[in-house]
Amino acid sequence: MLHILDNQNSIVNKYLAELRDVNVQKDSMRFRRNLERIGEITAYEISKVLNYAPRTVTTPLGEAVVQCISDKVVLATILRAGLPLHQGFLNYFDDSENAFISAYRSYLSESEFEIKVEYIATPSFEGKTLILVDPMLASGTSMVAAYEALCARAGRPAHTHMVSVLGCNEGVNYVLNHTDREEVDLWVATVDPVLNPHKYIVPGLGDAGDLCFGEKL
């Protein structure tokens, strides 16, 4: 199932505007914080579709029954741009387990590339809910490759939520067509129309990793 946050106007629009703005995004601390904020908002939205069970809590004056999340959550991030988004989710799912994976493009030509995975640190996914986050969903190949590599190492989760801040139609369709729609939900804050010949999202926002942490060699 596909969930697009800006189909309904909300404060997410402000953070998206600042992430895109070439003047505001020069402030790397604010850029990271805006990714974190969107992570927090998306975490709240995802929390509405998780499983809950009653829990009895002792108060100073008696007992209260509270519906609490019963899913065991694993929060997984594609390095490096995913780290601020991961932190936003961790602010809300603060008792989750965590997984990290590197997945990057190795270009064969200007428009052709393969995805390379060189690092995985993860707990088991068996019987758990996986939330896999990466800010940009361009071609969709990195997200799917990371998911498959994680599952090959940690087992298939009971359910998966894939999360991006900025997607495009090609990437969204790729993910939906290369995952089981009963097992995976895809969440994006907004969707842009196209990719350029170098497979970057247009109008997009640039390189999220570089804007977060500085340019790489």
N, C-alpha and C. Protein backbone atom coordinates (compact mmCIF):
# COMPACT_ATOMS: atom_id res chain seq x y z
N MET A 1 0.84 -1.19 0.00
CA MET A 1 0.00 0.00 0.00
C MET A 1 0.88 1.25 0.00
N LEU A 2 0.48 2.25 -0.75
CA LEU A 2 1.23 3.49 -0.88
C LEU A 2 0.57 4.58 -0.04
N HIS A 3 1.38 5.28 0.77
CA HIS A 3 0.91 6.40 1.60
C HIS A 3 1.74 7.63 1.24
N ILE A 4 1.09 8.71 0.82
CA ILE A 4 1.78 9.95 0.45
C ILE A 4 1.32 11.04 1.41
N LEU A 5 2.22 11.53 2.25
CA LEU A 5 1.82 12.44 3.32
C LEU A 5 1.28 13.76 2.81
N ASP A 6 1.86 14.31 1.74
CA ASP A 6 1.40 15.63 1.32
C ASP A 6 0.17 15.59 0.42
N ASN A 7 -0.48 14.41 0.33
CA ASN A 7 -1.82 14.39 -0.27
C ASN A 7 -2.80 15.19 0.57
N GLN A 8 -2.46 15.37 1.84
CA GLN A 8 -3.23 16.23 2.73
C GLN A 8 -2.29 17.29 3.28
N ASN A 9 -2.65 18.55 3.19
CA ASN A 9 -1.77 19.62 3.65
C ASN A 9 -1.53 19.51 5.15
N SER A 10 -0.27 19.70 5.56
CA SER A 10 0.10 19.66 6.96
C SER A 10 1.43 20.39 7.14
N ILE A 11 1.95 20.40 8.35
CA ILE A 11 3.23 21.04 8.64
C ILE A 11 4.37 20.39 7.87
N VAL A 12 4.16 19.17 7.36
CA VAL A 12 5.18 18.52 6.52
C VAL A 12 5.56 19.42 5.35
N ASN A 13 4.59 20.15 4.80
CA ASN A 13 4.86 21.03 3.65
C ASN A 13 5.98 22.03 3.95
N LYS A 14 5.98 22.58 5.16
CA LYS A 14 7.00 23.56 5.55
C LYS A 14 8.38 22.93 5.53
N TYR A 15 8.50 21.74 6.08
CA TYR A 15 9.81 21.08 6.14
C TYR A 15 10.27 20.65 4.75
N LEU A 16 9.33 20.21 3.91
CA LEU A 16 9.68 19.86 2.53
C LEU A 16 10.18 21.09 1.78
N ALA A 17 9.50 22.22 1.96
CA ALA A 17 9.90 23.46 1.28
C ALA A 17 11.32 23.86 1.69
N GLU A 18 11.63 23.74 2.97
CA GLU A 18 12.97 24.12 3.44
C GLU A 18 14.03 23.13 2.96
N LEU A 19 13.68 21.85 2.88
CA LEU A 19 14.63 20.86 2.36
C LEU A 19 14.98 21.15 0.90
N ARG A 20 14.02 21.63 0.12
CA ARG A 20 14.24 21.90 -1.30
C ARG A 20 14.93 23.25 -1.55
N ASP A 21 14.72 24.22 -0.70
CA ASP A 21 15.14 25.61 -0.93
C ASP A 21 16.67 25.71 -0.93
N VAL A 22 17.25 26.16 -2.05
CA VAL A 22 18.72 26.19 -2.18
C VAL A 22 19.36 27.13 -1.17
N ASN A 23 18.60 28.10 -0.66
CA ASN A 23 19.15 29.02 0.33
C ASN A 23 19.08 28.42 1.73
N VAL A 24 17.95 27.83 2.07
CA VAL A 24 17.80 27.25 3.41
C VAL A 24 18.66 26.01 3.57
N GLN A 25 18.78 25.19 2.53
CA GLN A 25 19.49 23.92 2.66
C GLN A 25 20.99 24.08 2.81
N LYS A 26 21.49 25.31 2.67
CA LYS A 26 22.91 25.56 2.94
C LYS A 26 23.23 25.37 4.42
N ASP A 27 22.22 25.48 5.26
CA ASP A 27 22.37 25.24 6.70
C ASP A 27 22.22 23.75 6.93
N SER A 28 23.33 23.03 7.00
CA SER A 28 23.28 21.57 7.09
C SER A 28 22.62 21.09 8.37
N MET A 29 22.76 21.86 9.46
CA MET A 29 22.11 21.45 10.70
C MET A 29 20.59 21.52 10.56
N ARG A 30 20.09 22.56 9.91
CA ARG A 30 18.65 22.67 9.70
C ARG A 30 18.17 21.60 8.72
N PHE A 31 18.98 21.29 7.71
CA PHE A 31 18.61 20.26 6.76
C PHE A 31 18.44 18.92 7.48
N ARG A 32 19.42 18.58 8.33
CA ARG A 32 19.32 17.33 9.09
C ARG A 32 18.11 17.34 10.01
N ARG A 33 17.87 18.46 10.65
CA ARG A 33 16.74 18.55 11.58
C ARG A 33 15.41 18.41 10.85
N ASN A 34 15.31 18.95 9.64
CA ASN A 34 14.06 18.82 8.89
C ASN A 34 13.81 17.37 8.47
N LEU A 35 14.87 16.65 8.10
CA LEU A 35 14.70 15.22 7.84
C LEU A 35 14.25 14.50 9.10
N GLU A 36 14.83 14.88 10.24
CA GLU A 36 14.45 14.26 11.51
C GLU A 36 12.98 14.55 11.84
N ARG A 37 12.55 15.79 11.61
CA ARG A 37 11.15 16.15 11.87
C ARG A 37 10.19 15.33 11.02
N ILE A 38 10.51 15.17 9.74
CA ILE A 38 9.64 14.38 8.88
C ILE A 38 9.65 12.92 9.32
N GLY A 39 10.79 12.45 9.81
CA GLY A 39 10.84 11.12 10.39
C GLY A 39 9.90 10.98 11.57
N GLU A 40 9.87 11.97 12.43
CA GLU A 40 8.98 11.94 13.59
C GLU A 40 7.52 11.91 13.16
N ILE A 41 7.17 12.75 12.19
CA ILE A 41 5.79 12.81 11.73
C ILE A 41 5.38 11.49 11.09
N THR A 42 6.26 10.92 10.26
CA THR A 42 5.95 9.65 9.61
C THR A 42 5.86 8.53 10.63
N ALA A 43 6.72 8.56 11.64
CA ALA A 43 6.65 7.56 12.71
C ALA A 43 5.28 7.60 13.39
N TYR A 44 4.78 8.79 13.64
CA TYR A 44 3.46 8.93 14.24
C TYR A 44 2.38 8.33 13.34
N GLU A 45 2.46 8.60 12.03
CA GLU A 45 1.47 8.07 11.10
C GLU A 45 1.55 6.54 11.04
N ILE A 46 2.75 5.99 11.00
CA ILE A 46 2.90 4.53 10.96
C ILE A 46 2.39 3.90 12.26
N SER A 47 2.56 4.60 13.37
CA SER A 47 2.11 4.05 14.65
C SER A 47 0.61 3.76 14.66
N LYS A 48 -0.13 4.44 13.79
CA LYS A 48 -1.58 4.24 13.75
C LYS A 48 -1.98 2.90 13.15
N VAL A 49 -1.08 2.26 12.39
CA VAL A 49 -1.44 1.02 11.72
C VAL A 49 -0.73 -0.20 12.32
N LEU A 50 -0.01 0.00 13.42
CA LEU A 50 0.63 -1.11 14.10
C LEU A 50 -0.38 -1.85 14.98
N ASN A 51 0.04 -2.97 15.53
CA ASN A 51 -0.82 -3.75 16.42
C ASN A 51 -0.66 -3.28 17.86
N TYR A 52 -1.76 -3.33 18.60
CA TYR A 52 -1.79 -2.85 19.98
C TYR A 52 -2.38 -3.91 20.90
N ALA A 53 -2.01 -3.82 22.18
CA ALA A 53 -2.57 -4.71 23.19
C ALA A 53 -2.73 -3.90 24.48
N PRO A 54 -3.72 -4.25 25.32
CA PRO A 54 -3.93 -3.49 26.55
C PRO A 54 -2.82 -3.74 27.57
N ARG A 55 -2.45 -2.68 28.27
CA ARG A 55 -1.45 -2.77 29.34
C ARG A 55 -1.99 -2.04 30.56
N THR A 56 -1.90 -2.67 31.72
CA THR A 56 -2.35 -2.04 32.95
C THR A 56 -1.19 -1.30 33.60
N VAL A 57 -1.40 -0.01 33.86
CA VAL A 57 -0.37 0.85 34.44
C VAL A 57 -0.83 1.32 35.81
N THR A 58 0.05 1.19 36.79
CA THR A 58 -0.27 1.66 38.14
C THR A 58 0.05 3.15 38.25
N THR A 59 -0.94 3.93 38.64
CA THR A 59 -0.79 5.37 38.84
C THR A 59 -0.76 5.67 40.34
N PRO A 60 -0.47 6.90 40.74
CA PRO A 60 -0.51 7.23 42.18
C PRO A 60 -1.89 7.04 42.80
N LEU A 61 -2.94 7.01 41.96
CA LEU A 61 -4.31 6.96 42.49
C LEU A 61 -5.05 5.68 42.10
N GLY A 62 -4.43 4.79 41.39
CA GLY A 62 -5.14 3.57 40.99
C GLY A 62 -4.46 2.90 39.82
N GLU A 63 -5.26 2.35 38.91
CA GLU A 63 -4.73 1.67 37.73
C GLU A 63 -5.43 2.19 36.49
N ALA A 64 -4.68 2.25 35.40
CA ALA A 64 -5.24 2.67 34.11
C ALA A 64 -4.86 1.63 33.06
N VAL A 65 -5.80 1.33 32.17
CA VAL A 65 -5.54 0.41 31.07
C VAL A 65 -5.24 1.24 29.82
N VAL A 66 -4.06 1.00 29.25
CA VAL A 66 -3.60 1.77 28.10
C VAL A 66 -3.31 0.81 26.95
N GLN A 67 -3.77 1.16 25.75
CA GLN A 67 -3.43 0.37 24.57
C GLN A 67 -2.02 0.73 24.12
N CYS A 68 -1.12 -0.24 24.14
CA CYS A 68 0.29 -0.01 23.79
C CYS A 68 0.69 -0.87 22.60
N ILE A 69 1.67 -0.40 21.84
CA ILE A 69 2.15 -1.14 20.67
C ILE A 69 2.66 -2.51 21.10
N SER A 70 2.15 -3.53 20.45
CA SER A 70 2.59 -4.90 20.75
C SER A 70 3.60 -5.42 19.73
N ASP A 71 3.74 -4.75 18.59
CA ASP A 71 4.73 -5.17 17.59
C ASP A 71 6.14 -4.96 18.12
N LYS A 72 7.02 -5.87 17.80
CA LYS A 72 8.44 -5.67 18.04
C LYS A 72 9.02 -5.02 16.80
N VAL A 73 9.52 -3.79 16.95
CA VAL A 73 9.93 -2.97 15.81
C VAL A 73 11.45 -3.01 15.64
N VAL A 74 11.88 -3.20 14.39
CA VAL A 74 13.28 -3.02 14.02
C VAL A 74 13.36 -1.84 13.06
N LEU A 75 14.14 -0.85 13.41
CA LEU A 75 14.31 0.35 12.59
C LEU A 75 15.62 0.22 11.82
N ALA A 76 15.52 0.16 10.49
CA ALA A 76 16.70 -0.05 9.63
C ALA A 76 16.94 1.17 8.76
N THR A 77 18.21 1.48 8.54
CA THR A 77 18.58 2.68 7.80
C THR A 77 19.64 2.38 6.76
N ILE A 78 19.46 2.99 5.59
CA ILE A 78 20.48 2.92 4.55
C ILE A 78 21.46 4.08 4.76
N LEU A 79 22.72 3.74 4.99
CA LEU A 79 23.74 4.76 5.24
C LEU A 79 24.08 5.52 3.95
N ARG A 80 24.43 6.85 4.00
CA ARG A 80 24.62 7.64 5.20
C ARG A 80 23.50 8.65 5.39
N ALA A 81 22.83 8.98 4.26
CA ALA A 81 21.81 10.03 4.29
C ALA A 81 20.63 9.67 5.18
N GLY A 82 20.45 8.38 5.46
CA GLY A 82 19.31 7.96 6.26
C GLY A 82 19.43 8.24 7.74
N LEU A 83 20.62 8.64 8.22
CA LEU A 83 20.83 8.76 9.65
C LEU A 83 19.92 9.80 10.33
N PRO A 84 19.76 11.02 9.79
CA PRO A 84 18.84 11.96 10.45
C PRO A 84 17.39 11.48 10.44
N LEU A 85 16.97 10.86 9.34
CA LEU A 85 15.62 10.32 9.27
C LEU A 85 15.45 9.20 10.29
N HIS A 86 16.47 8.36 10.41
CA HIS A 86 16.48 7.29 11.41
C HIS A 86 16.30 7.87 12.81
N GLN A 87 17.01 8.96 13.10
CA GLN A 87 16.91 9.56 14.42
C GLN A 87 15.50 10.05 14.71
N GLY A 88 14.82 10.59 13.70
CA GLY A 88 13.44 11.01 13.89
C GLY A 88 12.55 9.85 14.29
N PHE A 89 12.72 8.71 13.65
CA PHE A 89 11.96 7.53 14.01
C PHE A 89 12.35 7.02 15.39
N LEU A 90 13.63 7.08 15.70
CA LEU A 90 14.09 6.59 16.99
C LEU A 90 13.60 7.46 18.13
N ASN A 91 13.35 8.74 17.86
CA ASN A 91 12.77 9.61 18.89
C ASN A 91 11.41 9.11 19.34
N TYR A 92 10.67 8.45 18.43
CA TYR A 92 9.33 7.97 18.75
C TYR A 92 9.34 6.48 19.10
N PHE A 93 10.00 5.67 18.28
CA PHE A 93 10.12 4.24 18.58
C PHE A 93 11.42 4.03 19.35
N ASP A 94 11.47 4.59 20.56
CA ASP A 94 12.72 4.65 21.29
C ASP A 94 13.17 3.33 21.88
N ASP A 95 12.30 2.33 21.87
CA ASP A 95 12.69 1.01 22.37
C ASP A 95 12.87 0.00 21.24
N SER A 96 12.98 0.48 20.01
CA SER A 96 13.13 -0.43 18.87
C SER A 96 14.55 -0.96 18.79
N GLU A 97 14.69 -2.11 18.12
CA GLU A 97 16.01 -2.58 17.73
C GLU A 97 16.41 -1.82 16.46
N ASN A 98 17.70 -1.88 16.13
CA ASN A 98 18.19 -1.07 15.01
C ASN A 98 19.07 -1.89 14.08
N ALA A 99 18.98 -1.57 12.79
CA ALA A 99 19.80 -2.21 11.77
C ALA A 99 20.35 -1.13 10.84
N PHE A 100 21.54 -1.40 10.29
CA PHE A 100 22.18 -0.44 9.39
C PHE A 100 22.77 -1.19 8.20
N ILE A 101 22.66 -0.57 7.02
CA ILE A 101 23.15 -1.20 5.80
C ILE A 101 23.70 -0.11 4.87
N SER A 102 24.79 -0.42 4.20
CA SER A 102 25.31 0.49 3.17
C SER A 102 24.83 -0.01 1.81
N ALA A 103 24.31 0.91 1.02
CA ALA A 103 23.88 0.57 -0.35
C ALA A 103 24.16 1.81 -1.20
N TYR A 104 25.00 1.66 -2.22
CA TYR A 104 25.35 2.82 -3.01
C TYR A 104 25.41 2.45 -4.49
N ARG A 105 25.33 3.50 -5.32
CA ARG A 105 25.39 3.32 -6.76
C ARG A 105 26.82 3.22 -7.23
N SER A 106 27.13 2.19 -7.99
CA SER A 106 28.41 2.08 -8.70
C SER A 106 28.11 2.27 -10.18
N TYR A 107 28.50 3.44 -10.71
CA TYR A 107 28.09 3.80 -12.07
C TYR A 107 28.90 3.05 -13.11
N LEU A 108 28.19 2.49 -14.09
CA LEU A 108 28.79 1.83 -15.24
C LEU A 108 28.87 2.79 -16.43
N SER A 109 27.95 3.76 -16.45
CA SER A 109 27.93 4.83 -17.44
C SER A 109 27.20 6.00 -16.79
N GLU A 110 26.94 7.05 -17.54
CA GLU A 110 26.27 8.22 -16.96
C GLU A 110 24.89 7.88 -16.41
N SER A 111 24.20 6.93 -17.04
CA SER A 111 22.83 6.62 -16.63
C SER A 111 22.64 5.19 -16.14
N GLU A 112 23.69 4.36 -16.21
CA GLU A 112 23.57 2.97 -15.79
C GLU A 112 24.44 2.73 -14.56
N PHE A 113 23.89 1.99 -13.60
CA PHE A 113 24.64 1.71 -12.38
C PHE A 113 24.14 0.41 -11.78
N GLU A 114 24.95 -0.13 -10.88
CA GLU A 114 24.54 -1.27 -10.09
C GLU A 114 24.62 -0.89 -8.62
N ILE A 115 23.80 -1.54 -7.79
CA ILE A 115 23.78 -1.24 -6.37
C ILE A 115 24.73 -2.20 -5.65
N LYS A 116 25.64 -1.63 -4.87
CA LYS A 116 26.57 -2.43 -4.10
C LYS A 116 26.27 -2.31 -2.61
N VAL A 117 26.23 -3.44 -1.94
CA VAL A 117 26.01 -3.50 -0.49
C VAL A 117 27.28 -4.06 0.13
N GLU A 118 27.88 -3.30 1.05
CA GLU A 118 29.17 -3.72 1.62
C GLU A 118 29.15 -3.86 3.13
N TYR A 119 28.07 -3.44 3.79
CA TYR A 119 28.05 -3.49 5.26
C TYR A 119 26.62 -3.72 5.74
N ILE A 120 26.46 -4.67 6.65
CA ILE A 120 25.16 -4.93 7.28
C ILE A 120 25.39 -5.21 8.76
N ALA A 121 24.65 -4.54 9.61
CA ALA A 121 24.60 -4.85 11.04
C ALA A 121 23.12 -4.90 11.43
N THR A 122 22.62 -6.05 11.83
CA THR A 122 21.19 -6.19 12.04
C THR A 122 20.86 -7.28 13.06
N PRO A 123 19.77 -7.11 13.80
CA PRO A 123 19.23 -8.20 14.59
C PRO A 123 18.36 -9.09 13.71
N SER A 124 17.80 -10.13 14.28
CA SER A 124 16.86 -10.97 13.54
C SER A 124 15.56 -10.20 13.27
N PHE A 125 14.94 -10.48 12.11
CA PHE A 125 13.64 -9.88 11.77
C PHE A 125 12.47 -10.82 12.06
N GLU A 126 12.73 -12.03 12.47
CA GLU A 126 11.68 -13.03 12.59
C GLU A 126 10.57 -12.57 13.53
N GLY A 127 9.34 -12.53 13.00
CA GLY A 127 8.18 -12.16 13.79
C GLY A 127 8.10 -10.69 14.16
N LYS A 128 8.92 -9.85 13.53
CA LYS A 128 8.99 -8.44 13.90
C LYS A 128 8.50 -7.55 12.77
N THR A 129 8.29 -6.27 13.08
CA THR A 129 7.91 -5.27 12.10
C THR A 129 9.15 -4.47 11.73
N LEU A 130 9.48 -4.44 10.45
CA LEU A 130 10.65 -3.72 9.96
C LEU A 130 10.22 -2.36 9.41
N ILE A 131 10.94 -1.31 9.81
CA ILE A 131 10.77 0.01 9.22
C ILE A 131 12.11 0.38 8.59
N LEU A 132 12.14 0.42 7.26
CA LEU A 132 13.36 0.68 6.50
C LEU A 132 13.30 2.09 5.92
N VAL A 133 14.26 2.95 6.29
CA VAL A 133 14.19 4.35 5.90
C VAL A 133 15.38 4.77 5.05
N ASP A 134 15.10 5.62 4.06
CA ASP A 134 16.10 6.24 3.20
C ASP A 134 15.46 7.50 2.64
N PRO A 135 16.07 8.67 2.77
CA PRO A 135 15.38 9.92 2.40
C PRO A 135 14.93 10.00 0.95
N MET A 136 15.73 9.46 0.00
CA MET A 136 15.44 9.63 -1.41
C MET A 136 15.06 8.30 -2.05
N LEU A 137 13.95 8.30 -2.78
CA LEU A 137 13.51 7.12 -3.52
C LEU A 137 13.51 7.51 -5.00
N ALA A 138 14.65 7.34 -5.65
CA ALA A 138 14.80 7.75 -7.05
C ALA A 138 14.40 6.62 -7.98
N SER A 139 15.34 5.73 -8.30
CA SER A 139 15.01 4.59 -9.15
C SER A 139 14.31 3.48 -8.37
N GLY A 140 14.49 3.48 -7.05
CA GLY A 140 13.89 2.44 -6.21
C GLY A 140 14.78 1.22 -6.04
N THR A 141 15.85 1.13 -6.82
CA THR A 141 16.69 -0.07 -6.78
C THR A 141 17.47 -0.19 -5.48
N SER A 142 17.91 0.93 -4.91
CA SER A 142 18.65 0.87 -3.64
C SER A 142 17.77 0.36 -2.52
N MET A 143 16.54 0.84 -2.46
CA MET A 143 15.62 0.43 -1.40
C MET A 143 15.34 -1.07 -1.49
N VAL A 144 15.06 -1.56 -2.68
CA VAL A 144 14.74 -2.98 -2.85
C VAL A 144 15.97 -3.84 -2.60
N ALA A 145 17.13 -3.40 -3.10
CA ALA A 145 18.36 -4.16 -2.88
C ALA A 145 18.71 -4.24 -1.41
N ALA A 146 18.55 -3.13 -0.69
CA ALA A 146 18.82 -3.12 0.74
C ALA A 146 17.86 -4.04 1.48
N TYR A 147 16.60 -3.99 1.12
CA TYR A 147 15.59 -4.84 1.74
C TYR A 147 15.91 -6.31 1.54
N GLU A 148 16.24 -6.69 0.33
CA GLU A 148 16.54 -8.09 0.04
C GLU A 148 17.81 -8.54 0.75
N ALA A 149 18.83 -7.68 0.81
CA ALA A 149 20.07 -8.03 1.49
C ALA A 149 19.84 -8.19 2.99
N LEU A 150 19.04 -7.30 3.57
CA LEU A 150 18.73 -7.40 5.00
C LEU A 150 17.97 -8.68 5.31
N CYS A 151 16.97 -8.98 4.48
CA CYS A 151 16.16 -10.18 4.71
C CYS A 151 16.99 -11.45 4.52
N ALA A 152 17.92 -11.42 3.58
CA ALA A 152 18.79 -12.58 3.39
C ALA A 152 19.62 -12.84 4.63
N ARG A 153 19.98 -11.78 5.35
CA ARG A 153 20.79 -11.93 6.56
C ARG A 153 19.92 -12.20 7.80
N ALA A 154 18.78 -11.50 7.90
CA ALA A 154 18.03 -11.48 9.16
C ALA A 154 16.70 -12.22 9.12
N GLY A 155 16.29 -12.74 7.95
CA GLY A 155 15.00 -13.40 7.83
C GLY A 155 13.91 -12.42 7.42
N ARG A 156 12.77 -12.96 7.01
CA ARG A 156 11.66 -12.11 6.58
C ARG A 156 10.89 -11.57 7.78
N PRO A 157 10.65 -10.27 7.84
CA PRO A 157 9.84 -9.71 8.92
C PRO A 157 8.37 -10.05 8.74
N ALA A 158 7.60 -9.90 9.80
CA ALA A 158 6.16 -10.12 9.72
C ALA A 158 5.52 -9.08 8.80
N HIS A 159 6.01 -7.85 8.86
CA HIS A 159 5.53 -6.79 7.96
C HIS A 159 6.63 -5.74 7.85
N THR A 160 6.65 -5.03 6.72
CA THR A 160 7.67 -4.02 6.46
C THR A 160 7.03 -2.70 6.06
N HIS A 161 7.56 -1.62 6.60
CA HIS A 161 7.21 -0.27 6.18
C HIS A 161 8.47 0.37 5.60
N MET A 162 8.45 0.68 4.30
CA MET A 162 9.55 1.39 3.66
C MET A 162 9.21 2.88 3.64
N VAL A 163 10.19 3.71 3.99
CA VAL A 163 9.93 5.14 4.18
C VAL A 163 10.94 5.97 3.43
N SER A 164 10.46 6.94 2.65
CA SER A 164 11.31 7.96 2.03
C SER A 164 10.66 9.32 2.20
N VAL A 165 11.48 10.34 2.21
CA VAL A 165 10.96 11.71 2.26
C VAL A 165 10.54 12.16 0.87
N LEU A 166 11.41 11.96 -0.10
CA LEU A 166 11.16 12.44 -1.46
C LEU A 166 11.28 11.27 -2.43
N GLY A 167 10.20 10.97 -3.11
CA GLY A 167 10.19 9.90 -4.11
C GLY A 167 9.90 10.45 -5.49
N CYS A 168 9.95 9.57 -6.47
CA CYS A 168 9.50 9.92 -7.81
C CYS A 168 8.66 8.78 -8.34
N ASN A 169 7.92 9.04 -9.40
CA ASN A 169 7.00 8.02 -9.90
C ASN A 169 7.71 6.73 -10.27
N GLU A 170 8.87 6.83 -10.90
CA GLU A 170 9.59 5.63 -11.32
C GLU A 170 9.99 4.78 -10.12
N GLY A 171 10.53 5.43 -9.09
CA GLY A 171 10.97 4.71 -7.91
C GLY A 171 9.82 4.09 -7.14
N VAL A 172 8.73 4.83 -7.01
CA VAL A 172 7.55 4.30 -6.33
C VAL A 172 7.04 3.06 -7.05
N ASN A 173 6.91 3.15 -8.36
CA ASN A 173 6.41 2.00 -9.13
C ASN A 173 7.36 0.82 -9.05
N TYR A 174 8.67 1.08 -9.04
CA TYR A 174 9.63 -0.01 -8.95
C TYR A 174 9.47 -0.77 -7.63
N VAL A 175 9.37 -0.02 -6.54
CA VAL A 175 9.21 -0.67 -5.23
C VAL A 175 7.91 -1.46 -5.17
N LEU A 176 6.82 -0.86 -5.63
CA LEU A 176 5.53 -1.55 -5.57
C LEU A 176 5.52 -2.80 -6.43
N ASN A 177 6.27 -2.77 -7.54
CA ASN A 177 6.28 -3.92 -8.46
C ASN A 177 7.30 -4.99 -8.08
N HIS A 178 8.21 -4.68 -7.15
CA HIS A 178 9.26 -5.63 -6.78
C HIS A 178 9.19 -6.05 -5.32
N THR A 179 8.06 -5.79 -4.67
CA THR A 179 7.83 -6.25 -3.31
C THR A 179 6.42 -6.80 -3.22
N ASP A 180 6.17 -7.59 -2.20
CA ASP A 180 4.85 -8.16 -1.96
C ASP A 180 3.97 -7.11 -1.31
N ARG A 181 2.90 -6.73 -1.98
CA ARG A 181 2.07 -5.63 -1.47
C ARG A 181 1.32 -5.98 -0.20
N GLU A 182 1.21 -7.27 0.11
CA GLU A 182 0.59 -7.66 1.37
C GLU A 182 1.60 -7.61 2.52
N GLU A 183 2.89 -7.61 2.19
CA GLU A 183 3.93 -7.62 3.21
C GLU A 183 4.61 -6.27 3.39
N VAL A 184 4.43 -5.35 2.43
CA VAL A 184 5.17 -4.09 2.45
C VAL A 184 4.24 -2.90 2.25
N ASP A 185 4.38 -1.89 3.10
CA ASP A 185 3.75 -0.58 2.90
C ASP A 185 4.84 0.42 2.55
N LEU A 186 4.56 1.30 1.62
CA LEU A 186 5.51 2.34 1.21
C LEU A 186 4.96 3.70 1.63
N TRP A 187 5.80 4.46 2.36
CA TRP A 187 5.43 5.79 2.85
C TRP A 187 6.39 6.82 2.27
N VAL A 188 5.86 7.87 1.65
CA VAL A 188 6.69 8.97 1.16
C VAL A 188 6.01 10.28 1.54
N ALA A 189 6.82 11.29 1.82
CA ALA A 189 6.25 12.60 2.15
C ALA A 189 5.69 13.28 0.91
N THR A 190 6.40 13.11 -0.22
CA THR A 190 5.93 13.70 -1.48
C THR A 190 6.54 12.93 -2.64
N VAL A 191 5.93 13.06 -3.82
CA VAL A 191 6.39 12.35 -5.02
C VAL A 191 6.59 13.34 -6.15
N ASP A 192 7.79 13.35 -6.74
CA ASP A 192 8.09 14.18 -7.90
C ASP A 192 7.89 13.37 -9.18
N PRO A 193 7.78 14.06 -10.35
CA PRO A 193 7.39 13.33 -11.57
C PRO A 193 8.47 12.50 -12.24
N VAL A 194 9.71 12.99 -12.30
CA VAL A 194 10.68 12.33 -13.22
C VAL A 194 12.07 12.26 -12.59
N LEU A 195 12.93 11.48 -13.28
CA LEU A 195 14.36 11.44 -13.01
C LEU A 195 15.10 12.07 -14.19
N ASN A 196 16.25 12.69 -13.91
CA ASN A 196 17.07 13.19 -15.01
C ASN A 196 17.92 12.04 -15.57
N PRO A 197 18.70 12.26 -16.63
CA PRO A 197 19.48 11.17 -17.22
C PRO A 197 20.46 10.51 -16.26
N HIS A 198 20.85 11.24 -15.21
CA HIS A 198 21.78 10.69 -14.21
C HIS A 198 21.03 9.98 -13.08
N LYS A 199 19.72 9.87 -13.23
CA LYS A 199 18.84 9.19 -12.27
C LYS A 199 18.72 9.93 -10.94
N TYR A 200 18.72 11.27 -11.00
CA TYR A 200 18.40 12.08 -9.84
C TYR A 200 16.99 12.64 -10.00
N ILE A 201 16.31 12.81 -8.86
CA ILE A 201 14.92 13.25 -8.87
C ILE A 201 14.83 14.72 -9.27
N VAL A 202 13.87 15.04 -10.14
CA VAL A 202 13.61 16.41 -10.59
C VAL A 202 12.15 16.76 -10.28
N PRO A 203 11.90 17.92 -9.61
CA PRO A 203 12.85 18.95 -9.19
C PRO A 203 13.71 18.56 -7.99
N GLY A 204 13.26 17.62 -7.17
CA GLY A 204 14.10 17.06 -6.13
C GLY A 204 14.64 18.07 -5.14
N LEU A 205 15.85 17.76 -4.62
CA LEU A 205 16.50 18.68 -3.69
C LEU A 205 18.02 18.60 -3.75
N GLY A 206 18.57 17.74 -4.60
CA GLY A 206 20.01 17.55 -4.66
C GLY A 206 20.41 16.26 -3.97
N ASP A 207 21.65 16.18 -3.53
CA ASP A 207 22.19 14.99 -2.88
C ASP A 207 21.97 15.11 -1.37
N ALA A 208 21.06 14.31 -0.83
CA ALA A 208 20.70 14.43 0.59
C ALA A 208 21.88 14.13 1.49
N GLY A 209 22.69 13.14 1.12
CA GLY A 209 23.85 12.81 1.95
C GLY A 209 24.84 13.95 2.03
N ASP A 210 25.14 14.57 0.89
CA ASP A 210 26.06 15.70 0.88
C ASP A 210 25.50 16.88 1.66
N LEU A 211 24.20 17.14 1.53
CA LEU A 211 23.58 18.26 2.23
C LEU A 211 23.56 18.03 3.74
N CYS A 212 23.51 16.77 4.15
CA CYS A 212 23.54 16.45 5.57
C CYS A 212 24.94 16.55 6.15
N PHE A 213 25.92 15.98 5.42
CA PHE A 213 27.21 15.72 6.03
C PHE A 213 28.41 16.26 5.26
N GLY A 214 28.19 16.94 4.16
CA GLY A 214 29.28 17.47 3.36
C GLY A 214 29.58 16.61 2.15
N GLU A 215 30.24 17.19 1.17
CA GLU A 215 30.51 16.48 -0.07
C GLU A 215 31.51 15.35 0.14
N LYS A 216 31.34 14.28 -0.62
CA LYS A 216 32.22 13.12 -0.53
C LYS A 216 33.14 13.06 -1.75
N LEU A 217 34.22 12.31 -1.64
CA LEU A 217 35.14 12.14 -2.76
C LEU A 217 34.49 11.28 -3.84
